[in-house]
């Protein structure tokens, strides 16, 4: 699985696979990520994943803590 590390300024973003857009925003001096994706793409904060979901992510090549 590939990895990419970027520096982005507020309002800048990235496009993934021509269908997912991640934009950096600053709201009340707090950096936020705005994620736009098709409805069939499941977007979940890492800290709320169950043990089973973490294992599936690892099997798919993600390196989670």
N, C-alpha and C. Protein backbone atom coordinates (compact mmCIF):
# COMPACT_ATOMS: atom_id res chain seq x y z
N UNK A 1 0.85 -1.16 0.00
CA UNK A 1 0.00 0.00 0.00
C UNK A 1 0.89 1.23 0.00
N UNK A 2 0.57 2.20 -0.81
CA UNK A 2 1.36 3.42 -0.90
C UNK A 2 0.99 4.44 0.17
N UNK A 3 1.96 5.28 0.49
CA UNK A 3 1.74 6.36 1.46
C UNK A 3 2.22 7.66 0.85
N UNK A 4 1.58 8.74 1.22
CA UNK A 4 1.94 10.06 0.74
C UNK A 4 1.76 11.04 1.88
N UNK A 5 2.77 11.82 2.17
CA UNK A 5 2.70 12.83 3.22
C UNK A 5 2.77 14.20 2.57
N UNK A 6 1.79 15.05 2.86
CA UNK A 6 1.69 16.36 2.23
C UNK A 6 1.53 17.46 3.26
N UNK A 7 1.94 18.63 2.89
CA UNK A 7 1.61 19.83 3.65
C UNK A 7 0.55 20.58 2.87
N UNK A 8 -0.54 20.92 3.51
CA UNK A 8 -1.64 21.62 2.86
C UNK A 8 -1.99 22.86 3.66
N UNK A 9 -2.33 23.90 2.97
CA UNK A 9 -2.79 25.14 3.61
C UNK A 9 -4.32 25.14 3.63
N UNK A 10 -4.90 25.96 4.48
CA UNK A 10 -6.37 26.04 4.49
C UNK A 10 -6.93 26.31 3.09
N UNK A 11 -7.95 25.56 2.73
CA UNK A 11 -8.57 25.69 1.42
C UNK A 11 -7.96 24.77 0.38
N UNK A 12 -6.76 24.26 0.65
CA UNK A 12 -6.13 23.32 -0.28
C UNK A 12 -6.60 21.90 0.03
N UNK A 13 -6.48 21.03 -0.93
CA UNK A 13 -6.93 19.66 -0.72
C UNK A 13 -6.24 18.68 -1.63
N UNK A 14 -6.73 17.47 -1.57
CA UNK A 14 -6.23 16.41 -2.44
C UNK A 14 -7.44 15.65 -2.99
N UNK A 15 -7.23 15.00 -4.12
CA UNK A 15 -8.25 14.15 -4.74
C UNK A 15 -7.71 12.72 -4.75
N UNK A 16 -8.54 11.78 -4.33
CA UNK A 16 -8.16 10.37 -4.31
C UNK A 16 -9.03 9.62 -5.31
N UNK A 17 -8.37 8.96 -6.24
CA UNK A 17 -9.05 8.09 -7.22
C UNK A 17 -10.16 8.81 -7.99
N UNK A 18 -10.00 10.11 -8.18
CA UNK A 18 -10.95 10.93 -8.95
C UNK A 18 -12.37 10.90 -8.40
N UNK A 19 -12.54 10.48 -7.12
CA UNK A 19 -13.88 10.46 -6.56
C UNK A 19 -13.96 10.85 -5.09
N UNK A 20 -12.82 11.01 -4.43
CA UNK A 20 -12.81 11.42 -3.02
C UNK A 20 -11.97 12.69 -2.92
N UNK A 21 -12.53 13.70 -2.26
CA UNK A 21 -11.82 14.97 -2.09
C UNK A 21 -11.65 15.25 -0.60
N UNK A 22 -10.43 15.56 -0.19
CA UNK A 22 -10.14 15.92 1.20
C UNK A 22 -9.58 17.34 1.18
N UNK A 23 -10.24 18.24 1.91
CA UNK A 23 -9.85 19.64 1.95
C UNK A 23 -9.54 20.05 3.39
N UNK A 24 -8.51 20.86 3.56
CA UNK A 24 -8.16 21.40 4.87
C UNK A 24 -8.90 22.71 5.08
N UNK A 25 -9.58 22.83 6.21
CA UNK A 25 -10.28 24.06 6.56
C UNK A 25 -9.86 24.44 7.98
N UNK A 26 -9.91 25.72 8.29
CA UNK A 26 -9.66 26.18 9.66
C UNK A 26 -10.93 26.88 10.13
N UNK A 27 -11.52 26.33 11.19
CA UNK A 27 -12.75 26.87 11.74
C UNK A 27 -12.50 27.20 13.21
N UNK A 28 -12.69 28.46 13.59
CA UNK A 28 -12.40 28.92 14.96
C UNK A 28 -10.98 28.56 15.38
N UNK A 29 -10.04 28.75 14.46
CA UNK A 29 -8.62 28.51 14.71
C UNK A 29 -8.27 27.03 14.91
N UNK A 30 -9.18 26.12 14.52
CA UNK A 30 -8.96 24.68 14.66
C UNK A 30 -8.92 24.06 13.27
N UNK A 31 -7.81 23.37 12.91
CA UNK A 31 -7.77 22.72 11.60
C UNK A 31 -8.76 21.56 11.51
N UNK A 32 -9.44 21.48 10.40
CA UNK A 32 -10.43 20.42 10.16
C UNK A 32 -10.20 19.82 8.79
N UNK A 33 -10.56 18.56 8.62
CA UNK A 33 -10.55 17.91 7.31
C UNK A 33 -11.99 17.79 6.83
N UNK A 34 -12.25 18.24 5.62
CA UNK A 34 -13.56 18.09 5.01
C UNK A 34 -13.42 16.99 3.97
N UNK A 35 -14.21 15.93 4.10
CA UNK A 35 -14.10 14.78 3.21
C UNK A 35 -15.38 14.67 2.40
N UNK A 36 -15.22 14.68 1.08
CA UNK A 36 -16.34 14.48 0.16
C UNK A 36 -16.10 13.17 -0.56
N UNK A 37 -17.08 12.26 -0.46
CA UNK A 37 -16.92 10.94 -1.06
C UNK A 37 -18.29 10.39 -1.46
N UNK A 38 -18.31 9.42 -2.37
CA UNK A 38 -19.57 8.78 -2.72
C UNK A 38 -20.21 8.13 -1.49
N UNK A 39 -21.51 7.97 -1.52
CA UNK A 39 -22.22 7.40 -0.37
C UNK A 39 -21.79 5.98 -0.04
N UNK A 40 -21.26 5.25 -1.02
CA UNK A 40 -20.85 3.87 -0.75
C UNK A 40 -19.47 3.77 -0.10
N UNK A 41 -18.80 4.91 0.13
CA UNK A 41 -17.51 4.93 0.80
C UNK A 41 -17.75 5.18 2.29
N UNK A 42 -17.33 4.24 3.12
CA UNK A 42 -17.52 4.34 4.56
C UNK A 42 -16.39 5.18 5.16
N UNK A 43 -16.73 6.29 5.82
CA UNK A 43 -15.75 7.17 6.44
C UNK A 43 -15.96 7.13 7.95
N UNK A 44 -14.94 6.68 8.67
CA UNK A 44 -15.05 6.51 10.11
C UNK A 44 -13.79 7.05 10.78
N UNK A 45 -13.95 7.73 11.91
CA UNK A 45 -12.79 8.16 12.69
C UNK A 45 -12.10 6.92 13.25
N UNK A 46 -10.78 6.90 13.16
CA UNK A 46 -10.00 5.72 13.57
C UNK A 46 -10.27 5.32 15.02
N UNK A 47 -10.44 6.29 15.91
CA UNK A 47 -10.58 5.97 17.33
C UNK A 47 -11.90 5.28 17.68
N UNK A 48 -12.86 5.24 16.77
CA UNK A 48 -14.13 4.58 17.07
C UNK A 48 -14.25 3.19 16.42
N UNK A 49 -13.19 2.73 15.75
CA UNK A 49 -13.21 1.41 15.14
C UNK A 49 -13.25 0.32 16.21
N UNK A 50 -13.98 -0.75 15.93
CA UNK A 50 -13.99 -1.90 16.81
C UNK A 50 -12.72 -2.72 16.57
N UNK A 51 -12.43 -3.66 17.45
CA UNK A 51 -11.26 -4.53 17.30
C UNK A 51 -11.35 -5.29 15.98
N UNK A 52 -12.54 -5.75 15.64
CA UNK A 52 -12.72 -6.49 14.39
C UNK A 52 -12.46 -5.61 13.17
N UNK A 53 -12.93 -4.35 13.23
CA UNK A 53 -12.71 -3.43 12.11
C UNK A 53 -11.23 -3.08 11.97
N UNK A 54 -10.54 -2.93 13.09
CA UNK A 54 -9.10 -2.66 13.05
C UNK A 54 -8.37 -3.83 12.37
N UNK A 55 -8.75 -5.04 12.70
CA UNK A 55 -8.11 -6.22 12.10
C UNK A 55 -8.36 -6.25 10.59
N UNK A 56 -9.56 -5.91 10.15
CA UNK A 56 -9.87 -5.87 8.71
C UNK A 56 -9.01 -4.81 8.03
N UNK A 57 -8.88 -3.64 8.67
CA UNK A 57 -8.03 -2.58 8.11
C UNK A 57 -6.60 -3.07 7.95
N UNK A 58 -6.08 -3.75 8.97
CA UNK A 58 -4.71 -4.28 8.89
C UNK A 58 -4.58 -5.31 7.79
N UNK A 59 -5.59 -6.17 7.64
CA UNK A 59 -5.57 -7.17 6.56
C UNK A 59 -5.57 -6.51 5.20
N UNK A 60 -6.15 -5.30 5.12
CA UNK A 60 -6.18 -4.54 3.87
C UNK A 60 -4.94 -3.69 3.66
N UNK A 61 -3.95 -3.83 4.56
CA UNK A 61 -2.68 -3.15 4.36
C UNK A 61 -2.51 -1.83 5.09
N UNK A 62 -3.49 -1.42 5.91
CA UNK A 62 -3.36 -0.18 6.66
C UNK A 62 -2.54 -0.44 7.92
N UNK A 63 -1.66 0.48 8.25
CA UNK A 63 -0.87 0.34 9.48
C UNK A 63 -1.51 1.21 10.57
N UNK A 64 -2.30 0.56 11.41
CA UNK A 64 -2.98 1.25 12.50
C UNK A 64 -2.27 0.95 13.81
N UNK A 65 -2.37 1.89 14.74
CA UNK A 65 -1.73 1.71 16.06
C UNK A 65 -2.39 0.61 16.85
